[in-house]
Amino acid sequence: MYALVEIKGKQYKVEKGSLIKVDLLNEEAGKTVEFESVLMLSGDKGPKIGQPYVKGAKITATVGGTVKGTKVHVLKFKRRKGYHRSQGHRQKYSFLKVNEITG
């Protein structure tokens, strides 16, 4: 059984026991969170597709640690003008371990 779930505006395919990396959540490590924005649910009886969400379906997951992604360099440059700017960014992510898919 797997499900497509929307977390913070992005869609993820999850299965029971899977570990996914999502944008940073404001939850402590070890805390249990529930997501009710399930877009599709696939099981033994075939897929259930929501309009936009499947009614009564939810995902229960445990928050793992947080991690920073790779550094992204942003460079601005205009030739012959002496203009150049450099900026960097590292996105923060949270890990989720899916405990249960109900629906």
PDB file of N, CA and C in Angstrom:
ATOM      1  N   MET A   1       0.842  -1.172   0.000  1.00  0.00           N
ATOM      2  CA  MET A   1       0.000   0.000   0.000  1.00  0.00           C
ATOM      3  C   MET A   1       0.889   1.236   0.000  1.00  0.00           C
ATOM      4  N   TYR A   2       0.535   2.187  -0.843  1.00  0.00           N
ATOM      5  CA  TYR A   2       1.253   3.453  -0.850  1.00  0.00           C
ATOM      6  C   TYR A   2       0.253   4.589  -1.014  1.00  0.00           C
ATOM      7  N   ALA A   3       0.733   5.814  -0.772  1.00  0.00           N
ATOM      8  CA  ALA A   3      -0.130   6.982  -0.860  1.00  0.00           C
ATOM      9  C   ALA A   3       0.661   8.156  -1.412  1.00  0.00           C
ATOM     10  N   LEU A   4      -0.049   9.063  -2.052  1.00  0.00           N
ATOM     11  CA  LEU A   4       0.518  10.343  -2.459  1.00  0.00           C
ATOM     12  C   LEU A   4      -0.018  11.384  -1.494  1.00  0.00           C
ATOM     13  N   VAL A   5       0.884  12.078  -0.822  1.00  0.00           N
ATOM     14  CA  VAL A   5       0.493  13.027   0.206  1.00  0.00           C
ATOM     15  C   VAL A   5       1.126  14.387  -0.088  1.00  0.00           C
ATOM     16  N   GLU A   6       0.408  15.442   0.267  1.00  0.00           N
ATOM     17  CA  GLU A   6       0.906  16.802   0.073  1.00  0.00           C
ATOM     18  C   GLU A   6       1.369  17.345   1.421  1.00  0.00           C
ATOM     19  N   ILE A   7       2.653  17.719   1.490  1.00  0.00           N
ATOM     20  CA  ILE A   7       3.245  18.268   2.710  1.00  0.00           C
ATOM     21  C   ILE A   7       3.923  19.583   2.359  1.00  0.00           C
ATOM     22  N   LYS A   8       3.438  20.660   2.940  1.00  0.00           N
ATOM     23  CA  LYS A   8       3.982  22.001   2.713  1.00  0.00           C
ATOM     24  C   LYS A   8       4.042  22.354   1.224  1.00  0.00           C
ATOM     25  N   GLY A   9       2.990  22.008   0.483  1.00  0.00           N
ATOM     26  CA  GLY A   9       2.881  22.390  -0.914  1.00  0.00           C
ATOM     27  C   GLY A   9       3.598  21.485  -1.897  1.00  0.00           C
ATOM     28  N   LYS A  10       4.247  20.419  -1.415  1.00  0.00           N
ATOM     29  CA  LYS A  10       4.942  19.491  -2.296  1.00  0.00           C
ATOM     30  C   LYS A  10       4.350  18.094  -2.127  1.00  0.00           C
ATOM     31  N   GLN A  11       4.396  17.303  -3.192  1.00  0.00           N
ATOM     32  CA  GLN A  11       3.795  15.980  -3.180  1.00  0.00           C
ATOM     33  C   GLN A  11       4.858  14.903  -3.027  1.00  0.00           C
ATOM     34  N   TYR A  12       4.557  13.893  -2.197  1.00  0.00           N
ATOM     35  CA  TYR A  12       5.486  12.815  -1.922  1.00  0.00           C
ATOM     36  C   TYR A  12       4.762  11.481  -2.016  1.00  0.00           C
ATOM     37  N   LYS A  13       5.451  10.465  -2.528  1.00  0.00           N
ATOM     38  CA  LYS A  13       4.928   9.106  -2.538  1.00  0.00           C
ATOM     39  C   LYS A  13       5.490   8.410  -1.313  1.00  0.00           C
ATOM     40  N   VAL A  14       4.607   7.913  -0.431  1.00  0.00           N
ATOM     41  CA  VAL A  14       5.043   7.299   0.819  1.00  0.00           C
ATOM     42  C   VAL A  14       4.479   5.888   0.950  1.00  0.00           C
ATOM     43  N   GLU A  15       5.236   5.054   1.620  1.00  0.00           N
ATOM     44  CA  GLU A  15       4.814   3.712   1.996  1.00  0.00           C
ATOM     45  C   GLU A  15       5.063   3.548   3.484  1.00  0.00           C
ATOM     46  N   LYS A  16       4.444   2.540   4.077  1.00  0.00           N
ATOM     47  CA  LYS A  16       4.656   2.299   5.508  1.00  0.00           C
ATOM     48  C   LYS A  16       6.116   1.914   5.736  1.00  0.00           C
ATOM     49  N   GLY A  17       6.759   2.616   6.665  1.00  0.00           N
ATOM     50  CA  GLY A  17       8.159   2.359   6.984  1.00  0.00           C
ATOM     51  C   GLY A  17       9.144   3.155   6.156  1.00  0.00           C
ATOM     52  N   SER A  18       8.666   3.938   5.206  1.00  0.00           N
ATOM     53  CA  SER A  18       9.595   4.692   4.359  1.00  0.00           C
ATOM     54  C   SER A  18      10.093   5.940   5.079  1.00  0.00           C
ATOM     55  N   LEU A  19      11.248   6.432   4.666  1.00  0.00           N
ATOM     56  CA  LEU A  19      11.880   7.614   5.216  1.00  0.00           C
ATOM     57  C   LEU A  19      11.927   8.659   4.118  1.00  0.00           C
ATOM     58  N   ILE A  20      11.310   9.822   4.349  1.00  0.00           N
ATOM     59  CA  ILE A  20      11.285  10.872   3.325  1.00  0.00           C
ATOM     60  C   ILE A  20      11.897  12.151   3.885  1.00  0.00           C
ATOM     61  N   LYS A  21      12.423  12.964   2.985  1.00  0.00           N
ATOM     62  CA  LYS A  21      13.045  14.244   3.341  1.00  0.00           C
ATOM     63  C   LYS A  21      12.125  15.362   2.856  1.00  0.00           C
ATOM     64  N   VAL A  22      11.585  16.141   3.787  1.00  0.00           N
ATOM     65  CA  VAL A  22      10.655  17.219   3.458  1.00  0.00           C
ATOM     66  C   VAL A  22      11.249  18.544   3.914  1.00  0.00           C
ATOM     67  N   ASP A  23      10.654  19.644   3.469  1.00  0.00           N
ATOM     68  CA  ASP A  23      11.081  20.954   3.939  1.00  0.00           C
ATOM     69  C   ASP A  23      10.914  21.035   5.451  1.00  0.00           C
ATOM     70  N   LEU A  24      11.684  21.895   6.083  1.00  0.00           N
ATOM     71  CA  LEU A  24      11.774  21.967   7.536  1.00  0.00           C
ATOM     72  C   LEU A  24      10.400  22.151   8.183  1.00  0.00           C
ATOM     73  N   LEU A  25      10.099  21.280   9.148  1.00  0.00           N
ATOM     74  CA  LEU A  25       8.877  21.361   9.935  1.00  0.00           C
ATOM     75  C   LEU A  25       9.199  21.967  11.289  1.00  0.00           C
ATOM     76  N   ASN A  26       8.250  22.680  11.863  1.00  0.00           N
ATOM     77  CA  ASN A  26       8.457  23.295  13.176  1.00  0.00           C
ATOM     78  C   ASN A  26       8.049  22.334  14.285  1.00  0.00           C
ATOM     79  N   GLU A  27       8.565  21.135  14.230  1.00  0.00           N
ATOM     80  CA  GLU A  27       8.283  20.104  15.233  1.00  0.00           C
ATOM     81  C   GLU A  27       9.609  19.576  15.785  1.00  0.00           C
ATOM     82  N   GLU A  28       9.567  19.104  17.005  1.00  0.00           N
ATOM     83  CA  GLU A  28      10.759  18.548  17.635  1.00  0.00           C
ATOM     84  C   GLU A  28      10.991  17.122  17.148  1.00  0.00           C
ATOM     85  N   ALA A  29      12.228  16.676  17.223  1.00  0.00           N
ATOM     86  CA  ALA A  29      12.565  15.308  16.819  1.00  0.00           C
ATOM     87  C   ALA A  29      11.894  14.316  17.759  1.00  0.00           C
ATOM     88  N   GLY A  30      11.358  13.252  17.206  1.00  0.00           N
ATOM     89  CA  GLY A  30      10.676  12.233  17.984  1.00  0.00           C
ATOM     90  C   GLY A  30       9.180  12.452  18.143  1.00  0.00           C
ATOM     91  N   LYS A  31       8.681  13.590  17.688  1.00  0.00           N
ATOM     92  CA  LYS A  31       7.267  13.900  17.805  1.00  0.00           C
ATOM     93  C   LYS A  31       6.489  13.257  16.661  1.00  0.00           C
ATOM     94  N   THR A  32       5.249  12.868  16.912  1.00  0.00           N
ATOM     95  CA  THR A  32       4.396  12.254  15.897  1.00  0.00           C
ATOM     96  C   THR A  32       3.512  13.315  15.257  1.00  0.00           C
ATOM     97  N   VAL A  33       3.453  13.319  13.934  1.00  0.00           N
ATOM     98  CA  VAL A  33       2.622  14.273  13.196  1.00  0.00           C
ATOM     99  C   VAL A  33       1.674  13.505  12.281  1.00  0.00           C
ATOM    100  N   GLU A  34       0.526  14.132  11.970  1.00  0.00           N
ATOM    101  CA  GLU A  34      -0.451  13.539  11.070  1.00  0.00           C
ATOM    102  C   GLU A  34      -0.692  14.480   9.903  1.00  0.00           C
ATOM    103  N   PHE A  35      -0.842  13.903   8.717  1.00  0.00           N
ATOM    104  CA  PHE A  35      -1.141  14.666   7.521  1.00  0.00           C
ATOM    105  C   PHE A  35      -2.422  14.108   6.913  1.00  0.00           C
ATOM    106  N   GLU A  36      -3.426  14.968   6.736  1.00  0.00           N
ATOM    107  CA  GLU A  36      -4.706  14.536   6.191  1.00  0.00           C
ATOM    108  C   GLU A  36      -4.870  14.921   4.727  1.00  0.00           C
ATOM    109  N   SER A  37      -3.865  15.539   4.142  1.00  0.00           N
ATOM    110  CA  SER A  37      -3.939  15.960   2.745  1.00  0.00           C
ATOM    111  C   SER A  37      -3.421  14.853   1.830  1.00  0.00           C
ATOM    112  N   VAL A  38      -4.154  13.730   1.811  1.00  0.00           N
ATOM    113  CA  VAL A  38      -3.793  12.573   0.997  1.00  0.00           C
ATOM    114  C   VAL A  38      -4.472  12.725  -0.363  1.00  0.00           C
ATOM    115  N   LEU A  39      -3.682  12.768  -1.419  1.00  0.00           N
ATOM    116  CA  LEU A  39      -4.214  12.958  -2.766  1.00  0.00           C
ATOM    117  C   LEU A  39      -4.674  11.651  -3.403  1.00  0.00           C
ATOM    118  N   MET A  40      -3.948  10.570  -3.149  1.00  0.00           N
ATOM    119  CA  MET A  40      -4.290   9.268  -3.717  1.00  0.00           C
ATOM    120  C   MET A  40      -3.872   8.180  -2.749  1.00  0.00           C
ATOM    121  N   LEU A  41      -4.673   7.118  -2.714  1.00  0.00           N
ATOM    122  CA  LEU A  41      -4.412   5.993  -1.838  1.00  0.00           C
ATOM    123  C   LEU A  41      -4.526   4.726  -2.660  1.00  0.00           C
ATOM    124  N   SER A  42      -3.481   3.924  -2.668  1.00  0.00           N
ATOM    125  CA  SER A  42      -3.483   2.688  -3.441  1.00  0.00           C
ATOM    126  C   SER A  42      -3.425   1.514  -2.488  1.00  0.00           C
ATOM    127  N   GLY A  43      -4.354   0.582  -2.654  1.00  0.00           N
ATOM    128  CA  GLY A  43      -4.398  -0.571  -1.769  1.00  0.00           C
ATOM    129  C   GLY A  43      -4.762  -1.830  -2.537  1.00  0.00           C
ATOM    130  N   ASP A  44      -5.269  -2.830  -1.812  1.00  0.00           N
ATOM    131  CA  ASP A  44      -5.643  -4.103  -2.423  1.00  0.00           C
ATOM    132  C   ASP A  44      -6.866  -3.971  -3.335  1.00  0.00           C
ATOM    133  N   LYS A  45      -7.776  -3.070  -2.995  1.00  0.00           N
ATOM    134  CA  LYS A  45      -9.015  -2.917  -3.759  1.00  0.00           C
ATOM    135  C   LYS A  45      -8.884  -1.919  -4.908  1.00  0.00           C
ATOM    136  N   GLY A  46      -7.676  -1.493  -5.187  1.00  0.00           N
ATOM    137  CA  GLY A  46      -7.453  -0.516  -6.256  1.00  0.00           C
ATOM    138  C   GLY A  46      -7.232   0.875  -5.696  1.00  0.00           C
ATOM    139  N   PRO A  47      -6.956   1.827  -6.566  1.00  0.00           N
ATOM    140  CA  PRO A  47      -6.646   3.178  -6.091  1.00  0.00           C
ATOM    141  C   PRO A  47      -7.897   3.974  -5.732  1.00  0.00           C
ATOM    142  N   LYS A  48      -7.743   4.845  -4.730  1.00  0.00           N
ATOM    143  CA  LYS A  48      -8.764   5.832  -4.379  1.00  0.00           C
ATOM    144  C   LYS A  48      -8.159   7.192  -4.694  1.00  0.00           C
ATOM    145  N   ILE A  49      -8.829   7.957  -5.514  1.00  0.00           N
ATOM    146  CA  ILE A  49      -8.318   9.267  -5.918  1.00  0.00           C
ATOM    147  C   ILE A  49      -9.219  10.334  -5.321  1.00  0.00           C
ATOM    148  N   GLY A  50      -8.619  11.308  -4.645  1.00  0.00           N
ATOM    149  CA  GLY A  50      -9.374  12.358  -3.986  1.00  0.00           C
ATOM    150  C   GLY A  50      -9.702  13.506  -4.917  1.00  0.00           C
ATOM    151  N   GLN A  51     -10.672  14.317  -4.473  1.00  0.00           N
ATOM    152  CA  GLN A  51     -11.070  15.489  -5.242  1.00  0.00           C
ATOM    153  C   GLN A  51     -11.157  16.693  -4.320  1.00  0.00           C
ATOM    154  N   PRO A  52     -10.135  17.351  -3.856  1.00  0.00           N
ATOM    155  CA  PRO A  52      -8.733  17.096  -4.121  1.00  0.00           C
ATOM    156  C   PRO A  52      -8.108  16.082  -3.163  1.00  0.00           C
ATOM    157  N   TYR A  53      -8.737  15.834  -1.979  1.00  0.00           N
ATOM    158  CA  TYR A  53      -8.157  14.917  -1.009  1.00  0.00           C
ATOM    159  C   TYR A  53      -9.092  13.733  -0.770  1.00  0.00           C
ATOM    160  N   VAL A  54      -8.521  12.603  -0.377  1.00  0.00           N
ATOM    161  CA  VAL A  54      -9.296  11.411  -0.053  1.00  0.00           C
ATOM    162  C   VAL A  54      -9.898  11.606   1.341  1.00  0.00           C
ATOM    163  N   LYS A  55     -11.210  11.439   1.461  1.00  0.00           N
ATOM    164  CA  LYS A  55     -11.882  11.646   2.746  1.00  0.00           C
ATOM    165  C   LYS A  55     -11.540  10.507   3.708  1.00  0.00           C
ATOM    166  N   GLY A  56     -11.196  10.868   4.930  1.00  0.00           N
ATOM    167  CA  GLY A  56     -10.911   9.885   5.968  1.00  0.00           C
ATOM    168  C   GLY A  56      -9.523   9.276   5.921  1.00  0.00           C
ATOM    169  N   ALA A  57      -8.717   9.643   4.958  1.00  0.00           N
ATOM    170  CA  ALA A  57      -7.369   9.086   4.848  1.00  0.00           C
ATOM    171  C   ALA A  57      -6.375  10.013   5.553  1.00  0.00           C
ATOM    172  N   LYS A  58      -5.400   9.409   6.213  1.00  0.00           N
ATOM    173  CA  LYS A  58      -4.354  10.213   6.845  1.00  0.00           C
ATOM    174  C   LYS A  58      -3.071   9.405   6.957  1.00  0.00           C
ATOM    175  N   ILE A  59      -1.986  10.134   7.086  1.00  0.00           N
ATOM    176  CA  ILE A  59      -0.645   9.571   7.216  1.00  0.00           C
ATOM    177  C   ILE A  59      -0.124   9.951   8.598  1.00  0.00           C
ATOM    178  N   THR A  60       0.372   8.987   9.336  1.00  0.00           N
ATOM    179  CA  THR A  60       0.986   9.238  10.635  1.00  0.00           C
ATOM    180  C   THR A  60       2.483   8.989  10.501  1.00  0.00           C
ATOM    181  N   ALA A  61       3.285   9.984  10.919  1.00  0.00           N
ATOM    182  CA  ALA A  61       4.738   9.879  10.766  1.00  0.00           C
ATOM    183  C   ALA A  61       5.432  10.425  12.004  1.00  0.00           C
ATOM    184  N   THR A  62       6.658   9.969  12.215  1.00  0.00           N
ATOM    185  CA  THR A  62       7.497  10.444  13.311  1.00  0.00           C
ATOM    186  C   THR A  62       8.587  11.333  12.740  1.00  0.00           C
ATOM    187  N   VAL A  63       8.792  12.479  13.370  1.00  0.00           N
ATOM    188  CA  VAL A  63       9.799  13.425  12.907  1.00  0.00           C
ATOM    189  C   VAL A  63      11.170  12.938  13.354  1.00  0.00           C
ATOM    190  N   GLY A  64      12.089  12.833  12.403  1.00  0.00           N
ATOM    191  CA  GLY A  64      13.470  12.483  12.720  1.00  0.00           C
ATOM    192  C   GLY A  64      14.273  13.753  12.914  1.00  0.00           C
ATOM    193  N   GLY A  65      15.533  13.711  12.616  1.00  0.00           N
ATOM    194  CA  GLY A  65      16.384  14.883  12.763  1.00  0.00           C
ATOM    195  C   GLY A  65      16.245  15.853  11.606  1.00  0.00           C
ATOM    196  N   THR A  66      16.951  16.956  11.714  1.00  0.00           N
ATOM    197  CA  THR A  66      16.997  17.941  10.641  1.00  0.00           C
ATOM    198  C   THR A  66      18.386  17.924  10.020  1.00  0.00           C
ATOM    199  N   VAL A  67      18.451  18.349   8.778  1.00  0.00           N
ATOM    200  CA  VAL A  67      19.714  18.355   8.045  1.00  0.00           C
ATOM    201  C   VAL A  67      19.694  19.526   7.079  1.00  0.00           C
ATOM    202  N   LYS A  68      20.882  20.026   6.743  1.00  0.00           N
ATOM    203  CA  LYS A  68      20.996  21.080   5.742  1.00  0.00           C
ATOM    204  C   LYS A  68      21.341  20.459   4.395  1.00  0.00           C
ATOM    205  N   GLY A  69      20.784  21.022   3.342  1.00  0.00           N
ATOM    206  CA  GLY A  69      21.071  20.546   1.997  1.00  0.00           C
ATOM    207  C   GLY A  69      22.391  21.101   1.491  1.00  0.00           C
ATOM    208  N   THR A  70      22.687  20.832   0.233  1.00  0.00           N
ATOM    209  CA  THR A  70      23.915  21.344  -0.363  1.00  0.00           C
ATOM    210  C   THR A  70      23.799  22.846  -0.593  1.00  0.00           C
ATOM    211  N   LYS A  71      24.932  23.506  -0.629  1.00  0.00           N
ATOM    212  CA  LYS A  71      24.948  24.953  -0.794  1.00  0.00           C
ATOM    213  C   LYS A  71      24.674  25.333  -2.244  1.00  0.00           C
ATOM    214  N   VAL A  72      23.804  26.314  -2.414  1.00  0.00           N
ATOM    215  CA  VAL A  72      23.487  26.846  -3.737  1.00  0.00           C
ATOM    216  C   VAL A  72      24.123  28.221  -3.831  1.00  0.00           C
ATOM    217  N   HIS A  73      24.952  28.434  -4.851  1.00  0.00           N
ATOM    218  CA  HIS A  73      25.612  29.720  -5.051  1.00  0.00           C
ATOM    219  C   HIS A  73      24.833  30.537  -6.065  1.00  0.00           C
ATOM    220  N   VAL A  74      24.583  31.801  -5.718  1.00  0.00           N
ATOM    221  CA  VAL A  74      23.887  32.723  -6.610  1.00  0.00           C
ATOM    222  C   VAL A  74      24.874  33.831  -6.958  1.00  0.00           C
ATOM    223  N   LEU A  75      25.174  34.000  -8.233  1.00  0.00           N
ATOM    224  CA  LEU A  75      26.121  35.013  -8.683  1.00  0.00           C
ATOM    225  C   LEU A  75      25.423  35.986  -9.620  1.00  0.00           C
ATOM    226  N   LYS A  76      25.655  37.271  -9.387  1.00  0.00           N
ATOM    227  CA  LYS A  76      25.169  38.308 -10.306  1.00  0.00           C
ATOM    228  C   LYS A  76      26.398  39.019 -10.841  1.00  0.00           C
ATOM    229  N   PHE A  77      26.412  39.251 -12.136  1.00  0.00           N
ATOM    230  CA  PHE A  77      27.599  39.817 -12.760  1.00  0.00           C
ATOM    231  C   PHE A  77      27.188  40.612 -13.987  1.00  0.00           C
ATOM    232  N   LYS A  78      27.734  41.824 -14.117  1.00  0.00           N
ATOM    233  CA  LYS A  78      27.536  42.622 -15.329  1.00  0.00           C
ATOM    234  C   LYS A  78      28.904  42.954 -15.891  1.00  0.00           C
ATOM    235  N   ARG A  79      29.139  42.569 -17.107  1.00  0.00           N
ATOM    236  CA  ARG A  79      30.454  42.742 -17.690  1.00  0.00           C
ATOM    237  C   ARG A  79      30.770  44.222 -17.922  1.00  0.00           C
ATOM    238  N   ARG A  80      32.024  44.523 -17.769  1.00  0.00           N
ATOM    239  CA  ARG A  80      32.597  45.858 -17.998  1.00  0.00           C
ATOM    240  C   ARG A  80      32.028  46.945 -17.090  1.00  0.00           C
ATOM    241  N   LYS A  81      31.311  46.618 -16.055  1.00  0.00           N
ATOM    242  CA  LYS A  81      30.731  47.626 -15.166  1.00  0.00           C
ATOM    243  C   LYS A  81      31.309  47.550 -13.755  1.00  0.00           C
ATOM    244  N   GLY A  82      32.089  46.535 -13.468  1.00  0.00           N
ATOM    245  CA  GLY A  82      32.646  46.376 -12.135  1.00  0.00           C
ATOM    246  C   GLY A  82      31.616  45.906 -11.117  1.00  0.00           C
ATOM    247  N   TYR A  83      30.516  45.331 -11.593  1.00  0.00           N
ATOM    248  CA  TYR A  83      29.434  44.885 -10.718  1.00  0.00           C
ATOM    249  C   TYR A  83      29.447  43.366 -10.603  1.00  0.00           C
ATOM    250  N   HIS A  84      29.578  42.875  -9.389  1.00  0.00           N
ATOM    251  CA  HIS A  84      29.421  41.450  -9.139  1.00  0.00           C
ATOM    252  C   HIS A  84      28.982  41.257  -7.691  1.00  0.00           C
ATOM    253  N   ARG A  85      28.017  40.372  -7.505  1.00  0.00           N
ATOM    254  CA  ARG A  85      27.486  40.052  -6.190  1.00  0.00           C
ATOM    255  C   ARG A  85      27.456  38.532  -6.045  1.00  0.00           C
ATOM    256  N   SER A  86      27.741  38.073  -4.858  1.00  0.00           N
ATOM    257  CA  SER A  86      27.737  36.643  -4.581  1.00  0.00           C
ATOM    258  C   SER A  86      26.889  36.385  -3.338  1.00  0.00           C
ATOM    259  N   GLN A  87      26.071  35.353  -3.416  1.00  0.00           N
ATOM    260  CA  GLN A  87      25.223  35.002  -2.291  1.00  0.00           C
ATOM    261  C   GLN A  87      25.076  33.481  -2.253  1.00  0.00           C
ATOM    262  N   GLY A  88      24.982  32.917  -1.063  1.00  0.00           N
ATOM    263  CA  GLY A  88      24.814  31.479  -0.910  1.00  0.00           C
ATOM    264  C   GLY A  88      23.585  31.154  -0.078  1.00  0.00           C
ATOM    265  N   HIS A  89      23.097  29.921  -0.235  1.00  0.00           N
ATOM    266  CA  HIS A  89      21.904  29.493   0.495  1.00  0.00           C
ATOM    267  C   HIS A  89      21.966  27.992   0.749  1.00  0.00           C
ATOM    268  N   ARG A  90      21.599  27.570   1.962  1.00  0.00           N
ATOM    269  CA  ARG A  90      21.479  26.140   2.287  1.00  0.00           C
ATOM    270  C   ARG A  90      20.088  25.899   2.846  1.00  0.00           C
ATOM    271  N   GLN A  91      19.302  25.106   2.140  1.00  0.00           N
ATOM    272  CA  GLN A  91      17.950  24.773   2.573  1.00  0.00           C
ATOM    273  C   GLN A  91      17.994  23.766   3.718  1.00  0.00           C
ATOM    274  N   LYS A  92      17.102  23.902   4.683  1.00  0.00           N
ATOM    275  CA  LYS A  92      17.019  22.969   5.800  1.00  0.00           C
ATOM    276  C   LYS A  92      15.877  21.985   5.548  1.00  0.00           C
ATOM    277  N   TYR A  93      16.101  20.721   5.913  1.00  0.00           N
ATOM    278  CA  TYR A  93      15.128  19.661   5.692  1.00  0.00           C
ATOM    279  C   TYR A  93      14.888  18.891   6.986  1.00  0.00           C
ATOM    280  N   SER A  94      13.711  18.274   7.074  1.00  0.00           N
ATOM    281  CA  SER A  94      13.375  17.364   8.168  1.00  0.00           C
ATOM    282  C   SER A  94      13.166  15.974   7.588  1.00  0.00           C
ATOM    283  N   PHE A  95      13.500  14.957   8.353  1.00  0.00           N
ATOM    284  CA  PHE A  95      13.243  13.582   7.952  1.00  0.00           C
ATOM    285  C   PHE A  95      11.966  13.100   8.617  1.00  0.00           C
ATOM    286  N   LEU A  96      11.138  12.376   7.854  1.00  0.00           N
ATOM    287  CA  LEU A  96       9.920  11.786   8.386  1.00  0.00           C
ATOM    288  C   LEU A  96       9.953  10.284   8.164  1.00  0.00           C
ATOM    289  N   LYS A  97       9.641   9.504   9.197  1.00  0.00           N
ATOM    290  CA  LYS A  97       9.506   8.060   9.080  1.00  0.00           C
ATOM    291  C   LYS A  97       8.019   7.743   9.156  1.00  0.00           C
ATOM    292  N   VAL A  98       7.474   7.178   8.090  1.00  0.00           N
ATOM    293  CA  VAL A  98       6.040   6.915   8.000  1.00  0.00           C
ATOM    294  C   VAL A  98       5.709   5.693   8.850  1.00  0.00           C
ATOM    295  N   ASN A  99       4.809   5.894   9.818  1.00  0.00           N
ATOM    296  CA  ASN A  99       4.408   4.812  10.710  1.00  0.00           C
ATOM    297  C   ASN A  99       3.162   4.085  10.218  1.00  0.00           C
ATOM    298  N   GLU A 100       2.190   4.837   9.700  1.00  0.00           N
ATOM    299  CA  GLU A 100       0.907   4.234   9.380  1.00  0.00           C
ATOM    300  C   GLU A 100       0.205   5.015   8.275  1.00  0.00           C
ATOM    301  N   ILE A 101      -0.478   4.288   7.406  1.00  0.00           N
ATOM    302  CA  ILE A 101      -1.328   4.880   6.383  1.00  0.00           C
ATOM    303  C   ILE A 101      -2.725   4.336   6.616  1.00  0.00           C
ATOM    304  N   THR A 102      -3.676   5.214   6.924  1.00  0.00           N
ATOM    305  CA  THR A 102      -5.052   4.779   7.157  1.00  0.00           C
ATOM    306  C   THR A 102      -5.969   5.416   6.122  1.00  0.00           C
ATOM    307  N   GLY A 103      -7.012   4.718   5.788  1.00  0.00           N
ATOM    308  CA  GLY A 103      -7.949   5.282   4.820  1.00  0.00           C
ATOM    309  C   GLY A 103      -8.808   4.224   4.325  1.00  0.00           C
TER     310      GLY A 103
END
